[in-house]
C-alpha atoms as a PDB file:
ATOM      1  CA  MET A   1       0.499 -34.222  -6.736  1.00  0.00           C
ATOM      2  CA  LEU A   2       4.240 -33.601  -7.010  1.00  0.00           C
ATOM      3  CA  LYS A   3       3.743 -31.274  -9.980  1.00  0.00           C
ATOM      4  CA  LYS A   4       1.048 -29.320  -8.131  1.00  0.00           C
ATOM      5  CA  ARG A   5       3.242 -28.994  -5.052  1.00  0.00           C
ATOM      6  CA  GLN A   6       6.172 -27.768  -7.163  1.00  0.00           C
ATOM      7  CA  GLU A   7       3.871 -25.251  -8.842  1.00  0.00           C
ATOM      8  CA  ARG A   8       2.660 -23.978  -5.440  1.00  0.00           C
ATOM      9  CA  GLU A   9       6.246 -23.668  -4.239  1.00  0.00           C
ATOM     10  CA  ARG A  10       7.220 -21.704  -7.358  1.00  0.00           C
ATOM     11  CA  THR A  11       4.199 -19.431  -6.912  1.00  0.00           C
ATOM     12  CA  GLY A  12       5.065 -18.883  -3.249  1.00  0.00           C
ATOM     13  CA  THR A  13       8.677 -18.069  -4.104  1.00  0.00           C
ATOM     14  CA  THR A  14       7.566 -15.623  -6.802  1.00  0.00           C
ATOM     15  CA  GLN A  15       5.132 -13.883  -4.453  1.00  0.00           C
ATOM     16  CA  ARG A  16       7.768 -13.606  -1.689  1.00  0.00           C
ATOM     17  CA  ALA A  17      10.239 -12.099  -4.151  1.00  0.00           C
ATOM     18  CA  GLY A  18       7.559  -9.704  -5.393  1.00  0.00           C
ATOM     19  CA  LEU A  19       6.635  -8.673  -1.846  1.00  0.00           C
ATOM     20  CA  ALA A  20      10.300  -8.088  -0.965  1.00  0.00           C
ATOM     21  CA  ALA A  21      10.733  -5.941  -4.087  1.00  0.00           C
ATOM     22  CA  ALA A  22       7.586  -3.890  -3.381  1.00  0.00           C
ATOM     23  CA  VAL A  23       8.579  -3.351   0.265  1.00  0.00           C
ATOM     24  CA  GLY A  24      12.086  -2.383  -0.859  1.00  0.00           C
ATOM     25  CA  ALA A  25      10.658   0.179  -3.280  1.00  0.00           C
ATOM     26  CA  SER A  26       8.442   1.688  -0.567  1.00  0.00           C
ATOM     27  CA  LEU A  27      11.369   1.867   1.873  1.00  0.00           C
ATOM     28  CA  LEU A  28      13.575   3.575  -0.708  1.00  0.00           C
ATOM     29  CA  TRP A  29      10.837   6.093  -1.567  1.00  0.00           C
ATOM     30  CA  GLY A  30      10.239   6.679   2.136  1.00  0.00           C
ATOM     31  CA  CYS A  31      13.928   7.399   2.757  1.00  0.00           C
ATOM     32  CA  LEU A  32      14.399   9.720  -0.247  1.00  0.00           C
ATOM     33  CA  PRO A  33      14.126  12.859   1.964  1.00  0.00           C
ATOM     34  CA  VAL A  34      17.448  11.867   3.547  1.00  0.00           C
ATOM     35  CA  TYR A  35      19.020  11.746   0.079  1.00  0.00           C
ATOM     36  CA  TRP A  36      17.674  15.147  -0.982  1.00  0.00           C
ATOM     37  CA  LYS A  37      18.549  16.681   2.395  1.00  0.00           C
ATOM     38  CA  ALA A  38      22.159  15.693   1.758  1.00  0.00           C
ATOM     39  CA  LEU A  39      21.965  17.964  -1.312  1.00  0.00           C
ATOM     40  CA  SER A  40      20.309  20.876   0.501  1.00  0.00           C
ATOM     41  CA  ARG A  41      23.156  23.233  -0.434  1.00  0.00           C
ATOM     42  CA  VAL A  42      22.323  22.733  -4.127  1.00  0.00           C
ATOM     43  CA  PRO A  43      19.335  24.731  -5.473  1.00  0.00           C
ATOM     44  CA  ALA A  44      16.235  22.592  -6.051  1.00  0.00           C
ATOM     45  CA  LEU A  45      16.106  23.495  -9.752  1.00  0.00           C
ATOM     46  CA  GLU A  46      19.688  22.305 -10.254  1.00  0.00           C
ATOM     47  CA  ILE A  47      18.977  19.059  -8.403  1.00  0.00           C
ATOM     48  CA  ILE A  48      16.005  18.295 -10.630  1.00  0.00           C
ATOM     49  CA  CYS A  49      18.081  18.995 -13.761  1.00  0.00           C
ATOM     50  CA  HIS A  50      20.692  16.472 -12.652  1.00  0.00           C
ATOM     51  CA  ARG A  51      17.951  14.036 -11.620  1.00  0.00           C
ATOM     52  CA  ILE A  52      16.426  14.254 -15.106  1.00  0.00           C
ATOM     53  CA  ILE A  53      19.687  13.832 -17.029  1.00  0.00           C
ATOM     54  CA  TRP A  54      21.144  11.005 -14.952  1.00  0.00           C
ATOM     55  CA  SER A  55      17.779   9.183 -14.863  1.00  0.00           C
ATOM     56  CA  MET A  56      17.722   9.325 -18.658  1.00  0.00           C
ATOM     57  CA  VAL A  57      21.269   7.913 -18.843  1.00  0.00           C
ATOM     58  CA  PHE A  58      20.468   5.129 -16.369  1.00  0.00           C
ATOM     59  CA  THR A  59      17.209   4.050 -18.023  1.00  0.00           C
ATOM     60  CA  LEU A  60      18.781   4.240 -21.500  1.00  0.00           C
ATOM     61  CA  ALA A  61      21.554   1.899 -20.372  1.00  0.00           C
ATOM     62  CA  ILE A  62      19.020  -0.631 -19.031  1.00  0.00           C
ATOM     63  CA  LEU A  63      16.836  -0.491 -22.155  1.00  0.00           C
ATOM     64  CA  ALA A  64      19.865  -0.881 -24.425  1.00  0.00           C
ATOM     65  CA  ALA A  65      21.179  -3.825 -22.395  1.00  0.00           C
ATOM     66  CA  GLN A  66      17.774  -5.545 -22.634  1.00  0.00           C
ATOM     67  CA  GLY A  67      17.370  -4.832 -26.351  1.00  0.00           C
ATOM     68  CA  ARG A  68      14.127  -2.884 -25.878  1.00  0.00           C
ATOM     69  CA  LEU A  69      15.023   0.319 -27.746  1.00  0.00           C
ATOM     70  CA  ARG A  70      13.756  -0.788 -31.165  1.00  0.00           C
ATOM     71  CA  GLN A  71      10.250  -1.465 -29.850  1.00  0.00           C
ATOM     72  CA  LEU A  72      10.356   1.865 -28.019  1.00  0.00           C
ATOM     73  CA  TRP A  73      11.095   3.793 -31.235  1.00  0.00           C
ATOM     74  CA  ARG A  74       8.189   2.064 -32.981  1.00  0.00           C
ATOM     75  CA  GLU A  75       5.800   3.103 -30.220  1.00  0.00           C
ATOM     76  CA  LEU A  76       7.010   6.707 -30.358  1.00  0.00           C
ATOM     77  CA  THR A  77       5.996   7.007 -34.007  1.00  0.00           C
ATOM     78  CA  ILE A  78       2.371   7.108 -32.777  1.00  0.00           C
ATOM     79  CA  PRO A  79       1.330  10.795 -32.298  1.00  0.00           C
ATOM     80  CA  VAL A  80      -0.957  10.084 -29.327  1.00  0.00           C
ATOM     81  CA  THR A  81       1.917   8.409 -27.475  1.00  0.00           C
ATOM     82  CA  ARG A  82       4.174  11.416 -28.035  1.00  0.00           C
ATOM     83  CA  LEU A  83       1.507  13.857 -26.824  1.00  0.00           C
ATOM     84  CA  THR A  84       0.758  11.723 -23.758  1.00  0.00           C
ATOM     85  CA  PHE A  85       4.384  11.612 -22.693  1.00  0.00           C
ATOM     86  CA  LEU A  86       4.857  15.316 -23.329  1.00  0.00           C
ATOM     87  CA  ALA A  87       2.073  15.920 -20.793  1.00  0.00           C
ATOM     88  CA  THR A  88       3.386  13.352 -18.283  1.00  0.00           C
ATOM     89  CA  SER A  89       6.917  14.750 -18.527  1.00  0.00           C
ATOM     90  CA  LEU A  90       5.633  18.220 -17.537  1.00  0.00           C
ATOM     91  CA  LEU A  91       3.706  16.723 -14.601  1.00  0.00           C
ATOM     92  CA  VAL A  92       6.812  14.809 -13.492  1.00  0.00           C
ATOM     93  CA  ALA A  93       8.902  17.993 -13.619  1.00  0.00           C
ATOM     94  CA  VAL A  94       6.425  19.934 -11.452  1.00  0.00           C
ATOM     95  CA  ASN A  95       6.077  17.027  -9.005  1.00  0.00           C
ATOM     96  CA  TRP A  96       9.825  16.471  -8.604  1.00  0.00           C
ATOM     97  CA  LEU A  97      10.631  20.164  -8.283  1.00  0.00           C
ATOM     98  CA  THR A  98       7.889  20.716  -5.679  1.00  0.00           C
ATOM     99  CA  TYR A  99       8.953  17.679  -3.653  1.00  0.00           C
ATOM    100  CA  ILE A 100      12.678  18.500  -3.618  1.00  0.00           C
ATOM    101  CA  TRP A 101      11.969  22.135  -2.744  1.00  0.00           C
ATOM    102  CA  ALA A 102       9.636  21.015   0.065  1.00  0.00           C
ATOM    103  CA  VAL A 103      12.172  18.590   1.547  1.00  0.00           C
ATOM    104  CA  ASN A 104      15.032  21.095   1.490  1.00  0.00           C
ATOM    105  CA  ASN A 105      12.859  23.865   2.965  1.00  0.00           C
ATOM    106  CA  ASP A 106      11.622  21.761   5.921  1.00  0.00           C
ATOM    107  CA  TYR A 107       8.187  20.803   4.630  1.00  0.00           C
ATOM    108  CA  ILE A 108       8.626  17.022   4.684  1.00  0.00           C
ATOM    109  CA  VAL A 109       5.520  16.534   6.847  1.00  0.00           C
ATOM    110  CA  GLU A 110       3.340  18.481   4.416  1.00  0.00           C
ATOM    111  CA  ALA A 111       4.884  16.621   1.469  1.00  0.00           C
ATOM    112  CA  SER A 112       3.986  13.310   3.122  1.00  0.00           C
ATOM    113  CA  LEU A 113       0.378  14.523   3.391  1.00  0.00           C
ATOM    114  CA  GLY A 114       0.325  14.879  -0.398  1.00  0.00           C
ATOM    115  CA  TYR A 115       1.134  11.208  -0.885  1.00  0.00           C
ATOM    116  CA  PHE A 116      -1.339  10.160   1.810  1.00  0.00           C
ATOM    117  CA  ILE A 117      -4.230  11.887   0.028  1.00  0.00           C
ATOM    118  CA  ASN A 118      -3.030  10.863  -3.446  1.00  0.00           C
ATOM    119  CA  PRO A 119      -5.213   7.685  -3.683  1.00  0.00           C
ATOM    120  CA  LEU A 120      -8.286   9.710  -2.766  1.00  0.00           C
ATOM    121  CA  VAL A 121      -7.500  12.439  -5.306  1.00  0.00           C
ATOM    122  CA  SER A 122      -7.043   9.696  -7.913  1.00  0.00           C
ATOM    123  CA  ALA A 123     -10.501   8.347  -7.027  1.00  0.00           C
ATOM    124  CA  LEU A 124     -11.990  11.828  -7.421  1.00  0.00           C
ATOM    125  CA  LEU A 125     -10.316  12.223 -10.821  1.00  0.00           C
ATOM    126  CA  GLY A 126     -11.802   8.889 -11.826  1.00  0.00           C
ATOM    127  CA  VAL A 127     -15.252  10.293 -11.124  1.00  0.00           C
ATOM    128  CA  VAL A 128     -14.669  13.628 -12.875  1.00  0.00           C
ATOM    129  CA  VAL A 129     -12.652  12.470 -15.897  1.00  0.00           C
ATOM    130  CA  LEU A 130     -13.524   8.801 -16.410  1.00  0.00           C
ATOM    131  CA  LYS A 131     -17.129   9.092 -15.162  1.00  0.00           C
ATOM    132  CA  GLU A 132     -16.566   6.263 -12.688  1.00  0.00           C
ATOM    133  CA  ARG A 133     -19.148   5.654  -9.969  1.00  0.00           C
ATOM    134  CA  LEU A 134     -18.059   5.563  -6.345  1.00  0.00           C
ATOM    135  CA  ARG A 135     -19.701   3.465  -3.675  1.00  0.00           C
ATOM    136  CA  PRO A 136     -21.095   5.178  -0.528  1.00  0.00           C
ATOM    137  CA  GLY A 137     -18.101   4.138   1.587  1.00  0.00           C
ATOM    138  CA  GLN A 138     -15.726   5.712  -0.947  1.00  0.00           C
ATOM    139  CA  TRP A 139     -17.700   8.975  -0.942  1.00  0.00           C
ATOM    140  CA  LEU A 140     -17.515   9.031   2.859  1.00  0.00           C
ATOM    141  CA  ALA A 141     -13.727   8.539   2.692  1.00  0.00           C
ATOM    142  CA  LEU A 142     -13.406  11.440   0.239  1.00  0.00           C
ATOM    143  CA  ALA A 143     -15.524  13.657   2.491  1.00  0.00           C
ATOM    144  CA  LEU A 144     -13.370  12.816   5.529  1.00  0.00           C
ATOM    145  CA  ALA A 145     -10.165  13.544   3.589  1.00  0.00           C
ATOM    146  CA  ALA A 146     -11.567  16.870   2.369  1.00  0.00           C
ATOM    147  CA  SER A 147     -12.511  17.794   5.932  1.00  0.00           C
ATOM    148  CA  GLY A 148      -8.976  16.941   7.086  1.00  0.00           C
ATOM    149  CA  VAL A 149      -7.369  19.133   4.412  1.00  0.00           C
ATOM    150  CA  GLY A 150      -9.894  21.890   5.152  1.00  0.00           C
ATOM    151  CA  TYR A 151      -9.134  21.715   8.873  1.00  0.00           C
ATOM    152  CA  LEU A 152      -5.402  21.996   8.187  1.00  0.00           C
ATOM    153  CA  ALA A 153      -6.022  25.033   5.994  1.00  0.00           C
ATOM    154  CA  LEU A 154      -8.188  26.765   8.610  1.00  0.00           C
ATOM    155  CA  SER A 155      -5.951  25.948  11.593  1.00  0.00           C
ATOM    156  CA  HIS A 156      -2.766  27.166   9.876  1.00  0.00           C
ATOM    157  CA  GLY A 157      -4.300  30.059   7.986  1.00  0.00           C
ATOM    158  CA  ARG A 158      -3.130  28.794   4.594  1.00  0.00           C
ATOM    159  CA  ILE A 159      -3.987  26.060   2.111  1.00  0.00           C
ATOM    160  CA  PRO A 160      -1.494  23.131   2.233  1.00  0.00           C
ATOM    161  CA  TRP A 161      -0.480  23.849  -1.360  1.00  0.00           C
ATOM    162  CA  ILE A 162       2.572  21.565  -1.321  1.00  0.00           C
ATOM    163  CA  ALA A 163       0.413  18.540  -0.474  1.00  0.00           C
ATOM    164  CA  LEU A 164      -2.228  19.496  -3.032  1.00  0.00           C
ATOM    165  CA  VAL A 165       0.315  20.090  -5.821  1.00  0.00           C
ATOM    166  CA  LEU A 166       2.050  16.770  -5.130  1.00  0.00           C
ATOM    167  CA  ALA A 167      -1.228  14.831  -4.946  1.00  0.00           C
ATOM    168  CA  GLY A 168      -2.727  16.597  -7.956  1.00  0.00           C
ATOM    169  CA  THR A 169       0.271  16.219 -10.271  1.00  0.00           C
ATOM    170  CA  PHE A 170       0.868  12.586  -9.313  1.00  0.00           C
ATOM    171  CA  SER A 171      -2.816  11.696  -9.690  1.00  0.00           C
ATOM    172  CA  LEU A 172      -2.995  13.336 -13.128  1.00  0.00           C
ATOM    173  CA  TYR A 173       0.250  11.591 -14.039  1.00  0.00           C
ATOM    174  CA  SER A 174      -1.148   8.210 -12.978  1.00  0.00           C
ATOM    175  CA  LEU A 175      -4.340   8.868 -14.947  1.00  0.00           C
ATOM    176  CA  LEU A 176      -2.423   9.616 -18.152  1.00  0.00           C
ATOM    177  CA  ARG A 177       0.002   6.733 -17.670  1.00  0.00           C
ATOM    178  CA  LYS A 178      -2.960   4.392 -17.192  1.00  0.00           C
ATOM    179  CA  THR A 179      -3.887   4.945 -20.826  1.00  0.00           C
ATOM    180  CA  ALA A 180      -0.310   5.093 -22.187  1.00  0.00           C
ATOM    181  CA  ARG A 181       1.038   2.311 -24.379  1.00  0.00           C
ATOM    182  CA  LEU A 182       4.519   2.120 -22.831  1.00  0.00           C
ATOM    183  CA  PRO A 183       5.630   0.197 -19.706  1.00  0.00           C
ATOM    184  CA  SER A 184       7.053   2.076 -16.714  1.00  0.00           C
ATOM    185  CA  LEU A 185      10.753   1.956 -17.624  1.00  0.00           C
ATOM    186  CA  GLU A 186      10.226   3.013 -21.235  1.00  0.00           C
ATOM    187  CA  GLY A 187       7.853   5.723 -20.033  1.00  0.00           C
ATOM    188  CA  LEU A 188      10.376   7.101 -17.539  1.00  0.00           C
ATOM    189  CA  PHE A 189      13.032   7.174 -20.271  1.00  0.00           C
ATOM    190  CA  CYS A 190      10.709   9.096 -22.614  1.00  0.00           C
ATOM    191  CA  GLU A 191       9.794  11.600 -19.919  1.00  0.00           C
ATOM    192  CA  THR A 192      13.384  12.259 -18.869  1.00  0.00           C
ATOM    193  CA  CYS A 193      14.475  12.362 -22.517  1.00  0.00           C
ATOM    194  CA  LEU A 194      11.934  15.091 -23.287  1.00  0.00           C
ATOM    195  CA  LEU A 195      13.011  17.061 -20.216  1.00  0.00           C
ATOM    196  CA  SER A 196      16.749  16.533 -20.717  1.00  0.00           C
ATOM    197  CA  LEU A 197      17.177  19.308 -23.333  1.00  0.00           C
ATOM    198  CA  PRO A 198      15.825  22.162 -21.160  1.00  0.00           C
ATOM    199  CA  ALA A 199      17.591  20.605 -18.135  1.00  0.00           C
ATOM    200  CA  ALA A 200      20.946  20.515 -19.969  1.00  0.00           C
ATOM    201  CA  ALA A 201      20.424  24.072 -21.265  1.00  0.00           C
ATOM    202  CA  LEU A 202      19.763  25.321 -17.725  1.00  0.00           C
ATOM    203  CA  LEU A 203      22.872  23.576 -16.364  1.00  0.00           C
ATOM    204  CA  LEU A 204      24.996  25.025 -19.186  1.00  0.00           C
ATOM    205  CA  LEU A 205      23.608  28.483 -18.418  1.00  0.00           C
ATOM    206  CA  THR A 206      24.455  28.243 -14.714  1.00  0.00           C
ATOM    207  CA  ASN A 207      27.897  26.892 -15.601  1.00  0.00           C
ATOM    208  CA  SER A 208      28.579  29.813 -17.972  1.00  0.00           C
ATOM    209  CA  ARG A 209      27.660  32.246 -15.208  1.00  0.00           C
ATOM    210  CA  GLY A 210      29.982  30.485 -12.789  1.00  0.00           C
ATOM    211  CA  THR A 211      27.142  29.588 -10.410  1.00  0.00           C
ATOM    212  CA  ALA A 212      26.861  25.859 -11.176  1.00  0.00           C
ATOM    213  CA  SER A 213      26.944  23.846  -7.943  1.00  0.00           C
ATOM    214  CA  PHE A 214      28.283  20.755  -9.705  1.00  0.00           C
ATOM    215  CA  ALA A 215      31.484  22.506 -10.854  1.00  0.00           C
ATOM    216  CA  MET A 216      32.181  23.876  -7.367  1.00  0.00           C
ATOM    217  CA  ALA A 217      30.895  20.902  -5.373  1.00  0.00           C
ATOM    218  CA  ASP A 218      32.871  18.554  -3.157  1.00  0.00           C
ATOM    219  CA  PRO A 219      33.277  14.931  -4.362  1.00  0.00           C
ATOM    220  CA  THR A 220      30.416  13.666  -2.156  1.00  0.00           C
ATOM    221  CA  THR A 221      27.931  16.163  -3.608  1.00  0.00           C
ATOM    222  CA  MET A 222      29.063  15.342  -7.161  1.00  0.00           C
ATOM    223  CA  ILE A 223      28.550  11.615  -6.563  1.00  0.00           C
ATOM    224  CA  LEU A 224      25.121  12.222  -5.024  1.00  0.00           C
ATOM    225  CA  LEU A 225      24.036  14.314  -8.011  1.00  0.00           C
ATOM    226  CA  ILE A 226      25.234  11.665 -10.479  1.00  0.00           C
ATOM    227  CA  CYS A 227      23.553   8.877  -8.511  1.00  0.00           C
ATOM    228  CA  SER A 228      20.247  10.767  -8.403  1.00  0.00           C
ATOM    229  CA  GLY A 229      19.316   8.847 -11.555  1.00  0.00           C
ATOM    230  CA  ILE A 230      19.710   5.536  -9.726  1.00  0.00           C
ATOM    231  CA  ALA A 231      17.858   6.919  -6.698  1.00  0.00           C
ATOM    232  CA  THR A 232      14.974   7.788  -9.031  1.00  0.00           C
ATOM    233  CA  SER A 233      14.881   4.663 -11.202  1.00  0.00           C
ATOM    234  CA  ALA A 234      15.777   1.850  -8.785  1.00  0.00           C
ATOM    235  CA  PRO A 235      12.613   2.119  -6.602  1.00  0.00           C
ATOM    236  CA  LEU A 236      10.467   2.274  -9.733  1.00  0.00           C
ATOM    237  CA  LEU A 237      12.022  -0.916 -11.139  1.00  0.00           C
ATOM    238  CA  LEU A 238      11.529  -2.709  -7.818  1.00  0.00           C
ATOM    239  CA  PHE A 239       7.925  -1.512  -7.599  1.00  0.00           C
ATOM    240  CA  VAL A 240       7.090  -2.674 -11.127  1.00  0.00           C
ATOM    241  CA  TYR A 241       8.679  -6.074 -10.426  1.00  0.00           C
ATOM    242  CA  GLY A 242       6.679  -6.421  -7.206  1.00  0.00           C
ATOM    243  CA  ALA A 243       3.403  -5.142  -8.694  1.00  0.00           C
ATOM    244  CA  GLN A 244       3.466  -7.917 -11.276  1.00  0.00           C
ATOM    245  CA  ARG A 245       3.846 -10.632  -8.625  1.00  0.00           C
ATOM    246  CA  ILE A 246       1.753  -9.764  -5.565  1.00  0.00           C
ATOM    247  CA  HIS A 247      -1.949  -9.242  -4.916  1.00  0.00           C
ATOM    248  CA  LEU A 248      -3.519  -5.837  -5.483  1.00  0.00           C
ATOM    249  CA  THR A 249      -4.615  -5.626  -1.834  1.00  0.00           C
ATOM    250  CA  ALA A 250      -1.043  -5.968  -0.563  1.00  0.00           C
ATOM    251  CA  LEU A 251       0.138  -3.455  -3.131  1.00  0.00           C
ATOM    252  CA  GLY A 252      -2.533  -0.985  -2.057  1.00  0.00           C
ATOM    253  CA  LEU A 253      -1.537  -1.226   1.606  1.00  0.00           C
ATOM    254  CA  LEU A 254       2.162  -0.817   0.782  1.00  0.00           C
ATOM    255  CA  GLN A 255       1.523   2.543  -0.889  1.00  0.00           C
ATOM    256  CA  TYR A 256       1.090   4.070   2.584  1.00  0.00           C
ATOM    257  CA  LEU A 257       4.498   2.877   3.816  1.00  0.00           C
ATOM    258  CA  ALA A 258       6.534   5.539   1.971  1.00  0.00           C
ATOM    259  CA  PRO A 259       4.579   8.611   3.186  1.00  0.00           C
ATOM    260  CA  THR A 260       4.509   7.154   6.718  1.00  0.00           C
ATOM    261  CA  LEU A 261       8.306   6.920   6.715  1.00  0.00           C
ATOM    262  CA  GLN A 262       8.549  10.451   5.313  1.00  0.00           C
ATOM    263  CA  LEU A 263       6.257  11.735   8.051  1.00  0.00           C
ATOM    264  CA  LEU A 264       8.326  10.026  10.770  1.00  0.00           C
ATOM    265  CA  LEU A 265      11.561  11.388   9.293  1.00  0.00           C
ATOM    266  CA  GLY A 266      10.142  14.890   9.195  1.00  0.00           C
ATOM    267  CA  ILE A 267       9.033  14.769  12.835  1.00  0.00           C
ATOM    268  CA  PHE A 268      11.741  12.757  14.578  1.00  0.00           C
ATOM    269  CA  LEU A 269      14.875  13.211  12.443  1.00  0.00           C
ATOM    270  CA  TYR A 270      14.447  16.757  11.127  1.00  0.00           C
ATOM    271  CA  HIS A 271      12.274  18.032  14.037  1.00  0.00           C
ATOM    272  CA  GLU A 272       9.608  19.700  11.942  1.00  0.00           C
ATOM    273  CA  PRO A 273       6.711  21.056  14.039  1.00  0.00           C
ATOM    274  CA  PHE A 274       3.712  18.781  14.413  1.00  0.00           C
ATOM    275  CA  PRO A 275       1.255  20.638  16.641  1.00  0.00           C
ATOM    276  CA  ARG A 276      -2.056  19.288  17.875  1.00  0.00           C
ATOM    277  CA  GLU A 277      -3.992  21.023  15.092  1.00  0.00           C
ATOM    278  CA  LYS A 278      -1.898  19.355  12.408  1.00  0.00           C
ATOM    279  CA  GLY A 279      -2.316  16.016  14.201  1.00  0.00           C
ATOM    280  CA  ILE A 280      -6.127  16.347  14.065  1.00  0.00           C
ATOM    281  CA  GLY A 281      -6.011  17.052  10.323  1.00  0.00           C
ATOM    282  CA  PHE A 282      -3.762  14.049   9.714  1.00  0.00           C
ATOM    283  CA  VAL A 283      -6.017  11.796  11.831  1.00  0.00           C
ATOM    284  CA  LEU A 284      -8.988  12.747   9.628  1.00  0.00           C
ATOM    285  CA  VAL A 285      -6.970  11.913   6.508  1.00  0.00           C
ATOM    286  CA  TRP A 286      -5.708   8.625   7.981  1.00  0.00           C
ATOM    287  CA  THR A 287      -9.274   7.683   8.960  1.00  0.00           C
ATOM    288  CA  ALA A 288     -10.362   8.392   5.387  1.00  0.00           C
ATOM    289  CA  LEU A 289      -7.542   6.221   4.029  1.00  0.00           C
ATOM    290  CA  GLY A 290      -8.384   3.396   6.422  1.00  0.00           C
ATOM    291  CA  LEU A 291     -12.048   3.532   5.455  1.00  0.00           C
ATOM    292  CA  TYR A 292     -11.216   3.689   1.734  1.00  0.00           C
ATOM    293  CA  THR A 293      -8.834   0.702   1.971  1.00  0.00           C
ATOM    294  CA  LEU A 294     -11.126  -1.409   4.166  1.00  0.00           C
ATOM    295  CA  GLU A 295     -14.133  -0.703   1.943  1.00  0.00           C
ATOM    296  CA  GLY A 296     -12.145  -1.818  -1.115  1.00  0.00           C
ATOM    297  CA  ILE A 297     -11.006  -5.047   0.570  1.00  0.00           C
ATOM    298  CA  LEU A 298     -14.543  -5.927   1.714  1.00  0.00           C
ATOM    299  CA  TRP A 299     -15.988  -5.098  -1.711  1.00  0.00           C
ATOM    300  CA  ARG A 300     -13.460  -7.347  -3.523  1.00  0.00           C
ATOM    301  CA  LYS A 301     -14.199 -10.171  -1.085  1.00  0.00           C
ATOM    302  CA  GLY A 302     -17.926  -9.788  -1.775  1.00  0.00           C
ATOM    303  CA  VAL A 303     -17.317  -9.874  -5.541  1.00  0.00           C
ATOM    304  CA  ARG A 304     -15.255 -13.071  -5.252  1.00  0.00           C
ATOM    305  CA  ARG A 305     -18.045 -14.733  -3.238  1.00  0.00           C
END
């Protein structure tokens, strides 16, 4: 009895720590617009170059401290692994550049829409690429989300391309990483390592022309650019820690916390317009997400029974 009680207590402590880590990751991701807004005077392309280089330095330091580099080199001798991470690194670059540009050009609300519809785009990719079969409730959720995006496009006279690019690149990224052999930290290091050469070349070019923001920046901007690697890697490490320790249902619900915070920041802190038409489109998407999540929870409960 005592051993069982101690085991339950250890499990409860582990799950609480995992939940705290996952919530912390979602809060950090949700507050990232504030970080990038503080760098709004720096061009988005320069920000992403610094983000790539300092993320590589930060993840390399962690891997070296944990003695995980040797295993990483062995995995990279496999051609399929190298090709996979070449593709994911390009998707990461497009996703990061689009997001930072959107935040610093007052499109935080539209960027948040991209991460709201991301789970549904991932489900659609599963059908198209992996030949997965969706249940009727999931198809209804996808139809509602599509109607919401379509309504936003018609009411504003343009396709919400920022949301679609963010959702599409992240969904493709998740699909490729699902089949990759490397864990998250090693994967992030590989991606930033592959991107670091063109990023460094671009920074050297801007520096030679005398237009580099880093060389002319105030100390606060310099520190923020250097710490962009930590701002990128820390939430990921927390998320991975939490994902290994809490239930999938809780993890699925937490994925909506970050875009919700981004939406609230865009509306209430940065006063981006949120007219009635946009509200209707978002309500359709939120209804789709609620239906998709609830259907998944009920289906898993039925399977367990």
